[in-house]
Amino acid sequence: MELKDLEEYARINNVPIMEKDGIEFLTNYIRENNIKNILEIGAAIGYSAIRMCLIDKDIKVTTIERDKVRYDEAVKNINEFNLSDRINIIFGDALDIEIEGNYDLIFIDAAKSQSIKFFEKYEKYLNQDGTIITDNINFHGLTFSNTPAPTRNLRQMIRKIHNYLKWLEDNKEYHTKYENIGDGLTISKRVDN
């Protein structure tokens, strides 16, 4: 199995995986910052966890997925890439489960409406000089569009993303910058005391 097989599966089955330049940015960030221990919220089919592990043999990823079909597909893919010793995938809702350990990077790539709750729940597992990166901030170009989203549900989603961005901006414990790469990323680093 190759990465392009996962990309093709995601395309055919309408599984949201990171956009090409987004995953390139993320993997470069991990490489440049010597990140070794990663928590990912939202595994989908395991694509980004696999990509992160392929950077360096010392990288370990704990990833959480609540959708059983995607979880099963992720387990299969992780095994295909012989990474089951370095990727720990947990089945469950990230807001309900408990984990252990400390992480250099927490990558939030799950339900956009829950980003603040994910951040608040998991930041205690972040190493002092660690980073929290959130994906899909641009939400397919809708977040910063002058045209209202076409449905009520999408408008609510966009409002929640705006709330998250405002919450990050007001959070004095972190310095956050926005990168208009892929589907938009926020990079939050603890402010040195």
N, C-alpha and C. Protein backbone atom coordinates (compact mmCIF):
# COMPACT_ATOMS: atom_id res chain seq x y z
N MET A 1 0.84 -1.20 0.00
CA MET A 1 0.00 0.00 0.00
C MET A 1 0.88 1.25 0.00
N GLU A 2 0.43 2.27 -0.71
CA GLU A 2 1.16 3.53 -0.78
C GLU A 2 0.24 4.67 -0.35
N LEU A 3 0.83 5.82 -0.06
CA LEU A 3 0.05 6.98 0.36
C LEU A 3 -1.00 7.36 -0.68
N LYS A 4 -0.63 7.23 -1.95
CA LYS A 4 -1.59 7.60 -3.00
C LYS A 4 -2.83 6.71 -2.97
N ASP A 5 -2.68 5.47 -2.47
CA ASP A 5 -3.85 4.59 -2.32
C ASP A 5 -4.81 5.14 -1.27
N LEU A 6 -4.25 5.66 -0.17
CA LEU A 6 -5.09 6.26 0.87
C LEU A 6 -5.77 7.52 0.35
N GLU A 7 -5.02 8.32 -0.39
CA GLU A 7 -5.58 9.55 -0.96
C GLU A 7 -6.73 9.23 -1.91
N GLU A 8 -6.55 8.19 -2.71
CA GLU A 8 -7.59 7.78 -3.66
C GLU A 8 -8.82 7.24 -2.93
N TYR A 9 -8.59 6.42 -1.89
CA TYR A 9 -9.70 5.89 -1.09
C TYR A 9 -10.50 7.05 -0.48
N ALA A 10 -9.78 8.04 0.06
CA ALA A 10 -10.45 9.19 0.68
C ALA A 10 -11.28 9.95 -0.35
N ARG A 11 -10.71 10.13 -1.54
CA ARG A 11 -11.43 10.86 -2.59
C ARG A 11 -12.71 10.12 -3.00
N ILE A 12 -12.59 8.82 -3.24
CA ILE A 12 -13.73 8.02 -3.70
C ILE A 12 -14.82 7.93 -2.63
N ASN A 13 -14.39 7.79 -1.37
CA ASN A 13 -15.34 7.58 -0.28
C ASN A 13 -15.71 8.86 0.48
N ASN A 14 -15.27 9.99 -0.07
CA ASN A 14 -15.62 11.28 0.50
C ASN A 14 -15.20 11.39 1.97
N VAL A 15 -13.97 10.91 2.26
CA VAL A 15 -13.42 11.01 3.61
C VAL A 15 -12.54 12.26 3.66
N PRO A 16 -12.79 13.17 4.60
CA PRO A 16 -11.97 14.38 4.65
C PRO A 16 -10.57 14.09 5.20
N ILE A 17 -9.58 14.22 4.34
CA ILE A 17 -8.19 14.14 4.79
C ILE A 17 -7.56 15.50 4.50
N MET A 18 -6.40 15.74 5.07
CA MET A 18 -5.76 17.04 4.89
C MET A 18 -5.45 17.31 3.43
N GLU A 19 -5.58 18.58 3.05
CA GLU A 19 -5.19 18.98 1.71
C GLU A 19 -3.68 18.88 1.57
N LYS A 20 -3.21 18.72 0.34
CA LYS A 20 -1.80 18.45 0.06
C LYS A 20 -0.86 19.48 0.70
N ASP A 21 -1.11 20.77 0.48
CA ASP A 21 -0.19 21.75 1.05
C ASP A 21 -0.33 21.86 2.57
N GLY A 22 -1.50 21.51 3.11
CA GLY A 22 -1.69 21.48 4.55
C GLY A 22 -0.86 20.40 5.22
N ILE A 23 -0.88 19.20 4.65
CA ILE A 23 -0.09 18.08 5.22
C ILE A 23 1.40 18.33 5.04
N GLU A 24 1.77 18.99 3.94
CA GLU A 24 3.19 19.34 3.73
C GLU A 24 3.64 20.33 4.79
N PHE A 25 2.81 21.33 5.08
CA PHE A 25 3.14 22.31 6.13
C PHE A 25 3.28 21.59 7.48
N LEU A 26 2.32 20.74 7.80
CA LEU A 26 2.32 20.03 9.08
C LEU A 26 3.56 19.15 9.23
N THR A 27 3.87 18.37 8.21
CA THR A 27 5.04 17.47 8.31
C THR A 27 6.34 18.27 8.38
N ASN A 28 6.43 19.38 7.66
CA ASN A 28 7.62 20.24 7.75
C ASN A 28 7.74 20.84 9.15
N TYR A 29 6.61 21.26 9.71
CA TYR A 29 6.61 21.84 11.05
C TYR A 29 7.13 20.81 12.07
N ILE A 30 6.66 19.58 11.95
CA ILE A 30 7.09 18.50 12.85
C ILE A 30 8.59 18.26 12.71
N ARG A 31 9.06 18.22 11.47
CA ARG A 31 10.49 17.98 11.19
C ARG A 31 11.34 19.14 11.75
N GLU A 32 10.95 20.37 11.44
CA GLU A 32 11.74 21.54 11.83
C GLU A 32 11.77 21.75 13.33
N ASN A 33 10.71 21.34 14.04
CA ASN A 33 10.63 21.55 15.48
C ASN A 33 10.97 20.31 16.29
N ASN A 34 11.48 19.28 15.61
CA ASN A 34 11.94 18.05 16.26
C ASN A 34 10.86 17.45 17.17
N ILE A 35 9.65 17.43 16.67
CA ILE A 35 8.50 16.90 17.43
C ILE A 35 8.52 15.37 17.37
N LYS A 36 8.34 14.73 18.51
CA LYS A 36 8.43 13.26 18.56
C LYS A 36 7.15 12.60 19.06
N ASN A 37 6.38 13.31 19.87
CA ASN A 37 5.21 12.70 20.50
C ASN A 37 3.98 13.54 20.17
N ILE A 38 3.02 12.93 19.46
CA ILE A 38 1.90 13.68 18.90
C ILE A 38 0.57 13.07 19.34
N LEU A 39 -0.37 13.95 19.69
CA LEU A 39 -1.75 13.54 19.93
C LEU A 39 -2.60 14.13 18.81
N GLU A 40 -3.35 13.28 18.13
CA GLU A 40 -4.23 13.73 17.06
C GLU A 40 -5.67 13.46 17.46
N ILE A 41 -6.50 14.47 17.35
CA ILE A 41 -7.93 14.30 17.62
C ILE A 41 -8.63 14.28 16.27
N GLY A 42 -9.10 13.11 15.87
CA GLY A 42 -9.73 12.92 14.57
C GLY A 42 -8.83 12.15 13.62
N ALA A 43 -8.84 10.83 13.71
CA ALA A 43 -7.95 9.99 12.89
C ALA A 43 -8.46 9.83 11.46
N ALA A 44 -9.78 9.83 11.29
CA ALA A 44 -10.39 9.44 9.99
C ALA A 44 -9.82 8.09 9.59
N ILE A 45 -9.17 7.99 8.43
CA ILE A 45 -8.66 6.68 7.97
C ILE A 45 -7.17 6.50 8.28
N GLY A 46 -6.63 7.38 9.14
CA GLY A 46 -5.24 7.23 9.59
C GLY A 46 -4.22 7.93 8.71
N TYR A 47 -4.67 8.65 7.70
CA TYR A 47 -3.76 9.25 6.71
C TYR A 47 -2.74 10.20 7.35
N SER A 48 -3.21 11.19 8.11
CA SER A 48 -2.26 12.16 8.67
C SER A 48 -1.37 11.53 9.74
N ALA A 49 -1.91 10.60 10.53
CA ALA A 49 -1.08 9.90 11.53
C ALA A 49 0.05 9.14 10.84
N ILE A 50 -0.28 8.47 9.74
CA ILE A 50 0.73 7.73 8.98
C ILE A 50 1.76 8.70 8.40
N ARG A 51 1.29 9.79 7.81
CA ARG A 51 2.21 10.79 7.24
C ARG A 51 3.15 11.34 8.30
N MET A 52 2.61 11.61 9.50
CA MET A 52 3.45 12.15 10.57
C MET A 52 4.50 11.14 11.01
N CYS A 53 4.12 9.87 11.12
CA CYS A 53 5.06 8.83 11.55
C CYS A 53 6.15 8.56 10.52
N LEU A 54 5.83 8.75 9.26
CA LEU A 54 6.81 8.47 8.20
C LEU A 54 7.94 9.50 8.17
N ILE A 55 7.81 10.60 8.90
CA ILE A 55 8.86 11.62 8.93
C ILE A 55 10.12 11.08 9.59
N ASP A 56 9.93 10.33 10.68
CA ASP A 56 11.06 9.94 11.52
C ASP A 56 10.67 8.69 12.32
N LYS A 57 11.60 7.76 12.43
CA LYS A 57 11.29 6.49 13.11
C LYS A 57 11.06 6.65 14.61
N ASP A 58 11.42 7.82 15.18
CA ASP A 58 11.24 8.04 16.61
C ASP A 58 9.91 8.71 16.94
N ILE A 59 9.12 9.04 15.92
CA ILE A 59 7.84 9.71 16.16
C ILE A 59 6.77 8.70 16.57
N LYS A 60 6.04 9.07 17.61
CA LYS A 60 4.90 8.26 18.06
C LYS A 60 3.65 9.13 18.02
N VAL A 61 2.53 8.52 17.60
CA VAL A 61 1.26 9.23 17.49
C VAL A 61 0.19 8.48 18.26
N THR A 62 -0.56 9.20 19.07
CA THR A 62 -1.80 8.68 19.65
C THR A 62 -2.92 9.41 18.92
N THR A 63 -3.86 8.68 18.36
CA THR A 63 -4.92 9.30 17.58
C THR A 63 -6.28 8.73 18.00
N ILE A 64 -7.30 9.57 17.94
CA ILE A 64 -8.63 9.22 18.44
C ILE A 64 -9.64 9.34 17.30
N GLU A 65 -10.49 8.33 17.15
CA GLU A 65 -11.53 8.36 16.11
C GLU A 65 -12.82 7.79 16.68
N ARG A 66 -13.93 8.49 16.45
CA ARG A 66 -15.21 8.03 17.01
C ARG A 66 -16.08 7.29 16.00
N ASP A 67 -15.79 7.42 14.71
CA ASP A 67 -16.58 6.75 13.67
C ASP A 67 -16.02 5.34 13.46
N LYS A 68 -16.86 4.31 13.71
CA LYS A 68 -16.38 2.92 13.70
C LYS A 68 -15.85 2.50 12.32
N VAL A 69 -16.52 2.90 11.26
CA VAL A 69 -16.08 2.51 9.90
C VAL A 69 -14.71 3.11 9.62
N ARG A 70 -14.56 4.39 9.93
CA ARG A 70 -13.26 5.04 9.70
C ARG A 70 -12.19 4.49 10.63
N TYR A 71 -12.56 4.23 11.87
CA TYR A 71 -11.61 3.63 12.82
C TYR A 71 -11.09 2.30 12.29
N ASP A 72 -12.00 1.43 11.84
CA ASP A 72 -11.59 0.12 11.31
C ASP A 72 -10.68 0.27 10.09
N GLU A 73 -11.00 1.23 9.22
CA GLU A 73 -10.18 1.50 8.04
C GLU A 73 -8.80 2.02 8.46
N ALA A 74 -8.78 2.88 9.47
CA ALA A 74 -7.50 3.42 9.97
C ALA A 74 -6.63 2.30 10.54
N VAL A 75 -7.23 1.40 11.33
CA VAL A 75 -6.47 0.28 11.90
C VAL A 75 -5.85 -0.55 10.77
N LYS A 76 -6.65 -0.83 9.75
CA LYS A 76 -6.16 -1.61 8.60
C LYS A 76 -4.99 -0.88 7.92
N ASN A 77 -5.15 0.41 7.71
CA ASN A 77 -4.11 1.19 7.02
C ASN A 77 -2.83 1.28 7.84
N ILE A 78 -2.99 1.51 9.14
CA ILE A 78 -1.82 1.58 10.02
C ILE A 78 -1.05 0.27 10.00
N ASN A 79 -1.79 -0.85 10.01
CA ASN A 79 -1.14 -2.17 9.93
C ASN A 79 -0.46 -2.37 8.58
N GLU A 80 -1.11 -1.92 7.50
CA GLU A 80 -0.52 -2.04 6.15
C GLU A 80 0.83 -1.32 6.07
N PHE A 81 0.95 -0.21 6.77
CA PHE A 81 2.20 0.56 6.76
C PHE A 81 3.16 0.11 7.86
N ASN A 82 2.81 -0.98 8.58
CA ASN A 82 3.63 -1.52 9.67
C ASN A 82 3.96 -0.47 10.73
N LEU A 83 2.95 0.31 11.10
CA LEU A 83 3.16 1.38 12.08
C LEU A 83 2.36 1.17 13.37
N SER A 84 1.82 -0.04 13.55
CA SER A 84 0.99 -0.27 14.74
C SER A 84 1.79 -0.18 16.04
N ASP A 85 3.12 -0.28 15.97
CA ASP A 85 3.95 -0.13 17.17
C ASP A 85 4.19 1.34 17.50
N ARG A 86 3.89 2.25 16.55
CA ARG A 86 4.14 3.68 16.79
C ARG A 86 2.88 4.53 16.73
N ILE A 87 1.79 3.98 16.21
CA ILE A 87 0.52 4.70 16.20
C ILE A 87 -0.47 3.96 17.08
N ASN A 88 -0.88 4.63 18.15
CA ASN A 88 -1.88 4.08 19.07
C ASN A 88 -3.21 4.72 18.71
N ILE A 89 -4.11 3.94 18.13
CA ILE A 89 -5.41 4.50 17.74
C ILE A 89 -6.46 4.08 18.76
N ILE A 90 -7.21 5.05 19.21
CA ILE A 90 -8.23 4.83 20.24
C ILE A 90 -9.60 5.06 19.62
N PHE A 91 -10.51 4.11 19.83
CA PHE A 91 -11.88 4.25 19.33
C PHE A 91 -12.72 4.90 20.42
N GLY A 92 -13.33 6.03 20.10
CA GLY A 92 -14.21 6.70 21.04
C GLY A 92 -14.32 8.18 20.73
N ASP A 93 -15.20 8.83 21.46
CA ASP A 93 -15.39 10.27 21.32
C ASP A 93 -14.32 10.97 22.17
N ALA A 94 -13.57 11.86 21.55
CA ALA A 94 -12.46 12.54 22.23
C ALA A 94 -12.91 13.32 23.46
N LEU A 95 -14.18 13.70 23.51
CA LEU A 95 -14.67 14.43 24.68
C LEU A 95 -15.02 13.50 25.84
N ASP A 96 -15.12 12.20 25.56
CA ASP A 96 -15.53 11.23 26.59
C ASP A 96 -14.39 10.39 27.14
N ILE A 97 -13.32 10.22 26.37
CA ILE A 97 -12.26 9.30 26.80
C ILE A 97 -11.19 10.02 27.60
N GLU A 98 -10.39 9.24 28.30
CA GLU A 98 -9.25 9.78 29.05
C GLU A 98 -7.98 9.15 28.50
N ILE A 99 -6.93 9.96 28.43
CA ILE A 99 -5.64 9.47 27.92
C ILE A 99 -4.57 9.76 28.97
N GLU A 100 -3.36 9.30 28.68
CA GLU A 100 -2.20 9.57 29.54
C GLU A 100 -1.08 10.09 28.66
N GLY A 101 -0.08 10.64 29.31
CA GLY A 101 1.12 11.05 28.59
C GLY A 101 1.18 12.54 28.34
N ASN A 102 2.33 12.95 27.77
CA ASN A 102 2.55 14.33 27.41
C ASN A 102 2.98 14.39 25.95
N TYR A 103 2.62 15.49 25.30
CA TYR A 103 2.81 15.58 23.85
C TYR A 103 3.49 16.88 23.45
N ASP A 104 4.32 16.77 22.42
CA ASP A 104 4.99 17.95 21.84
C ASP A 104 4.01 18.70 20.94
N LEU A 105 3.07 17.96 20.37
CA LEU A 105 2.11 18.55 19.45
C LEU A 105 0.74 17.91 19.66
N ILE A 106 -0.28 18.74 19.74
CA ILE A 106 -1.66 18.27 19.72
C ILE A 106 -2.27 18.80 18.43
N PHE A 107 -2.76 17.88 17.62
CA PHE A 107 -3.31 18.24 16.31
C PHE A 107 -4.82 18.00 16.34
N ILE A 108 -5.59 19.09 16.25
CA ILE A 108 -7.06 19.00 16.30
C ILE A 108 -7.60 19.00 14.88
N ASP A 109 -8.15 17.87 14.49
CA ASP A 109 -8.68 17.72 13.12
C ASP A 109 -9.99 16.95 13.21
N ALA A 110 -10.89 17.46 14.05
CA ALA A 110 -12.16 16.76 14.30
C ALA A 110 -13.30 17.77 14.22
N ALA A 111 -14.44 17.44 14.79
CA ALA A 111 -15.64 18.28 14.72
C ALA A 111 -15.32 19.74 15.04
N LYS A 112 -15.46 20.59 14.04
CA LYS A 112 -15.10 22.01 14.18
C LYS A 112 -15.89 22.69 15.29
N SER A 113 -17.12 22.25 15.51
CA SER A 113 -17.97 22.89 16.51
C SER A 113 -17.46 22.63 17.94
N GLN A 114 -16.54 21.67 18.09
CA GLN A 114 -16.05 21.28 19.41
C GLN A 114 -14.62 21.74 19.67
N SER A 115 -14.05 22.56 18.80
CA SER A 115 -12.62 22.90 18.91
C SER A 115 -12.24 23.48 20.26
N ILE A 116 -13.06 24.39 20.81
CA ILE A 116 -12.73 24.98 22.12
C ILE A 116 -12.71 23.88 23.19
N LYS A 117 -13.70 23.00 23.17
CA LYS A 117 -13.75 21.91 24.17
C LYS A 117 -12.55 20.98 24.03
N PHE A 118 -12.17 20.64 22.78
CA PHE A 118 -10.99 19.79 22.57
C PHE A 118 -9.74 20.48 23.14
N PHE A 119 -9.58 21.75 22.80
CA PHE A 119 -8.42 22.52 23.24
C PHE A 119 -8.36 22.53 24.77
N GLU A 120 -9.47 22.87 25.41
CA GLU A 120 -9.50 22.98 26.87
C GLU A 120 -9.27 21.63 27.54
N LYS A 121 -9.81 20.58 26.97
CA LYS A 121 -9.66 19.25 27.59
C LYS A 121 -8.23 18.73 27.48
N TYR A 122 -7.59 18.95 26.34
CA TYR A 122 -6.32 18.28 26.07
C TYR A 122 -5.07 19.13 26.29
N GLU A 123 -5.22 20.44 26.50
CA GLU A 123 -4.02 21.28 26.66
C GLU A 123 -3.18 20.86 27.86
N LYS A 124 -3.79 20.23 28.86
CA LYS A 124 -3.02 19.80 30.04
C LYS A 124 -2.01 18.70 29.70
N TYR A 125 -2.18 18.06 28.55
CA TYR A 125 -1.25 17.01 28.11
C TYR A 125 -0.12 17.56 27.24
N LEU A 126 -0.13 18.87 27.02
CA LEU A 126 0.86 19.50 26.14
C LEU A 126 2.12 19.83 26.92
N ASN A 127 3.27 19.44 26.37
CA ASN A 127 4.55 19.83 26.98
C ASN A 127 4.64 21.35 27.02
N GLN A 128 5.45 21.86 27.95
CA GLN A 128 5.53 23.31 28.18
C GLN A 128 5.82 24.09 26.90
N ASP A 129 6.71 23.57 26.07
CA ASP A 129 7.05 24.28 24.83
C ASP A 129 6.33 23.68 23.61
N GLY A 130 5.23 22.99 23.88
CA GLY A 130 4.49 22.31 22.81
C GLY A 130 3.60 23.25 22.00
N THR A 131 2.97 22.67 20.98
CA THR A 131 2.14 23.42 20.03
C THR A 131 0.80 22.72 19.86
N ILE A 132 -0.26 23.51 19.71
CA ILE A 132 -1.56 22.97 19.34
C ILE A 132 -1.90 23.53 17.95
N ILE A 133 -2.07 22.64 16.99
CA ILE A 133 -2.43 23.03 15.63
C ILE A 133 -3.85 22.56 15.35
N THR A 134 -4.67 23.46 14.79
CA THR A 134 -6.05 23.13 14.44
C THR A 134 -6.22 23.26 12.93
N ASP A 135 -6.81 22.24 12.30
CA ASP A 135 -7.00 22.24 10.85
C ASP A 135 -8.44 22.65 10.49
N ASN A 136 -8.65 22.93 9.22
CA ASN A 136 -9.97 23.25 8.64
C ASN A 136 -10.56 24.56 9.14
N ILE A 137 -9.72 25.51 9.48
CA ILE A 137 -10.21 26.80 9.97
C ILE A 137 -10.92 27.56 8.85
N ASN A 138 -10.45 27.38 7.63
CA ASN A 138 -11.04 28.09 6.49
C ASN A 138 -12.37 27.46 6.04
N PHE A 139 -12.56 26.20 6.43
CA PHE A 139 -13.78 25.44 6.12
C PHE A 139 -14.23 25.63 4.67
N HIS A 140 -13.39 25.14 3.77
CA HIS A 140 -13.68 25.14 2.32
C HIS A 140 -13.95 26.54 1.78
N GLY A 141 -13.26 27.52 2.33
CA GLY A 141 -13.40 28.88 1.84
C GLY A 141 -14.57 29.65 2.42
N LEU A 142 -15.34 29.05 3.31
CA LEU A 142 -16.56 29.69 3.82
C LEU A 142 -16.31 30.63 5.01
N THR A 143 -15.28 30.36 5.80
CA THR A 143 -15.08 31.11 7.05
C THR A 143 -14.89 32.60 6.81
N PHE A 144 -14.12 32.95 5.81
CA PHE A 144 -13.80 34.36 5.57
C PHE A 144 -14.48 34.90 4.32
N SER A 145 -15.48 34.18 3.85
CA SER A 145 -16.20 34.60 2.64
C SER A 145 -17.17 35.74 2.96
N ASN A 146 -17.35 36.64 1.99
CA ASN A 146 -18.34 37.71 2.15
C ASN A 146 -19.75 37.23 1.86
N THR A 147 -19.85 36.05 1.24
CA THR A 147 -21.14 35.46 0.91
C THR A 147 -21.57 34.53 2.03
N PRO A 148 -22.78 34.67 2.55
CA PRO A 148 -23.23 33.77 3.62
C PRO A 148 -23.25 32.30 3.15
N ALA A 149 -22.96 31.40 4.08
CA ALA A 149 -23.00 29.97 3.77
C ALA A 149 -24.43 29.60 3.35
N PRO A 150 -24.56 28.62 2.43
CA PRO A 150 -25.87 28.34 1.84
C PRO A 150 -26.91 27.72 2.76
N THR A 151 -26.48 27.06 3.85
CA THR A 151 -27.48 26.42 4.72
C THR A 151 -27.32 26.92 6.16
N ARG A 152 -28.38 26.74 6.93
CA ARG A 152 -28.37 27.14 8.34
C ARG A 152 -27.28 26.40 9.12
N ASN A 153 -27.16 25.09 8.87
CA ASN A 153 -26.14 24.29 9.56
C ASN A 153 -24.74 24.81 9.28
N LEU A 154 -24.49 25.13 8.01
CA LEU A 154 -23.16 25.66 7.65
C LEU A 154 -22.93 27.02 8.29
N ARG A 155 -23.95 27.86 8.32
CA ARG A 155 -23.81 29.17 8.95
C ARG A 155 -23.49 29.03 10.45
N GLN A 156 -24.13 28.05 11.11
CA GLN A 156 -23.84 27.78 12.52
C GLN A 156 -22.40 27.31 12.69
N MET A 157 -21.95 26.44 11.77
CA MET A 157 -20.58 25.92 11.82
C MET A 157 -19.57 27.07 11.67
N ILE A 158 -19.83 27.95 10.71
CA ILE A 158 -18.93 29.09 10.48
C ILE A 158 -18.90 30.00 11.71
N ARG A 159 -20.07 30.20 12.33
CA ARG A 159 -20.13 31.02 13.54
C ARG A 159 -19.27 30.39 14.65
N LYS A 160 -19.32 29.06 14.77
CA LYS A 160 -18.53 28.38 15.79
C LYS A 160 -17.03 28.49 15.51
N ILE A 161 -16.65 28.46 14.23
CA ILE A 161 -15.23 28.64 13.88
C ILE A 161 -14.80 30.06 14.22
N HIS A 162 -15.65 31.05 13.91
CA HIS A 162 -15.35 32.44 14.29
C HIS A 162 -15.21 32.58 15.81
N ASN A 163 -16.09 31.91 16.54
CA ASN A 163 -16.01 31.92 18.01
C ASN A 163 -14.69 31.34 18.49
N TYR A 164 -14.25 30.25 17.85
CA TYR A 164 -12.98 29.59 18.20
C TYR A 164 -11.82 30.55 17.93
N LEU A 165 -11.84 31.20 16.77
CA LEU A 165 -10.76 32.14 16.43
C LEU A 165 -10.71 33.29 17.44
N LYS A 166 -11.87 33.80 17.83
CA LYS A 166 -11.95 34.89 18.82
C LYS A 166 -11.45 34.38 20.18
N TRP A 167 -11.84 33.17 20.53
CA TRP A 167 -11.40 32.56 21.80
C TRP A 167 -9.88 32.41 21.82
N LEU A 168 -9.30 31.97 20.69
CA LEU A 168 -7.84 31.84 20.60
C LEU A 168 -7.17 33.21 20.73
N GLU A 169 -7.74 34.19 20.07
CA GLU A 169 -7.19 35.55 20.10
C GLU A 169 -7.20 36.11 21.53
N ASP A 170 -8.26 35.80 22.27
CA ASP A 170 -8.40 36.30 23.64
C ASP A 170 -7.64 35.47 24.68
N ASN A 171 -7.15 34.30 24.26
CA ASN A 171 -6.47 33.39 25.19
C ASN A 171 -5.04 33.89 25.41
N LYS A 172 -4.80 34.49 26.57
CA LYS A 172 -3.50 35.11 26.86
C LYS A 172 -2.41 34.09 27.18
N GLU A 173 -2.79 32.83 27.38
CA GLU A 173 -1.78 31.81 27.68
C GLU A 173 -1.09 31.31 26.41
N TYR A 174 -1.67 31.60 25.26
CA TYR A 174 -1.12 31.14 23.99
C TYR A 174 -0.99 32.28 23.00
N HIS A 175 0.03 32.18 22.18
CA HIS A 175 0.14 33.07 21.03
C HIS A 175 -0.27 32.23 19.82
N THR A 176 -1.28 32.69 19.09
CA THR A 176 -1.81 31.93 17.95
C THR A 176 -1.61 32.70 16.67
N LYS A 177 -1.15 31.99 15.64
CA LYS A 177 -1.12 32.61 14.32
C LYS A 177 -1.91 31.74 13.35
N TYR A 178 -2.47 32.39 12.36
CA TYR A 178 -3.27 31.71 11.34
C TYR A 178 -2.42 31.56 10.08
N GLU A 179 -2.46 30.37 9.49
CA GLU A 179 -1.76 30.12 8.23
C GLU A 179 -2.81 29.76 7.19
N ASN A 180 -2.86 30.52 6.11
CA ASN A 180 -3.81 30.24 5.02
C ASN A 180 -3.20 29.20 4.08
N ILE A 181 -3.05 28.00 4.63
CA ILE A 181 -2.44 26.87 3.91
C ILE A 181 -3.42 25.72 4.00
N GLY A 182 -3.54 24.95 2.91
CA GLY A 182 -4.51 23.86 2.92
C GLY A 182 -5.89 24.44 3.14
N ASP A 183 -6.60 23.93 4.14
CA ASP A 183 -7.92 24.48 4.46
C ASP A 183 -7.83 25.40 5.68
N GLY A 184 -6.67 25.99 5.88
CA GLY A 184 -6.48 26.95 6.98
C GLY A 184 -6.09 26.27 8.28
N LEU A 185 -5.01 26.76 8.90
CA LEU A 185 -4.50 26.18 10.14
C LEU A 185 -4.26 27.28 11.16
N THR A 186 -4.50 26.97 12.42
CA THR A 186 -4.03 27.85 13.49
C THR A 186 -2.91 27.12 14.22
N ILE A 187 -1.87 27.88 14.57
CA ILE A 187 -0.74 27.34 15.32
C ILE A 187 -0.68 28.10 16.63
N SER A 188 -0.91 27.39 17.73
CA SER A 188 -0.96 28.01 19.06
C SER A 188 0.20 27.52 19.89
N LYS A 189 1.03 28.49 20.36
CA LYS A 189 2.17 28.18 21.21
C LYS A 189 1.97 28.86 22.55
N ARG A 190 2.34 28.17 23.63
CA ARG A 190 2.26 28.77 24.96
C ARG A 190 3.13 30.02 25.03
N VAL A 191 2.64 31.03 25.69
CA VAL A 191 3.42 32.24 25.90
C VAL A 191 4.38 31.97 27.06
N ASP A 192 5.68 32.30 26.87
CA ASP A 192 6.67 32.10 27.94
C ASP A 192 6.37 33.04 29.09
N ASN A 193 6.35 32.46 30.29
CA ASN A 193 6.09 33.29 31.48
C ASN A 193 7.38 33.87 32.01
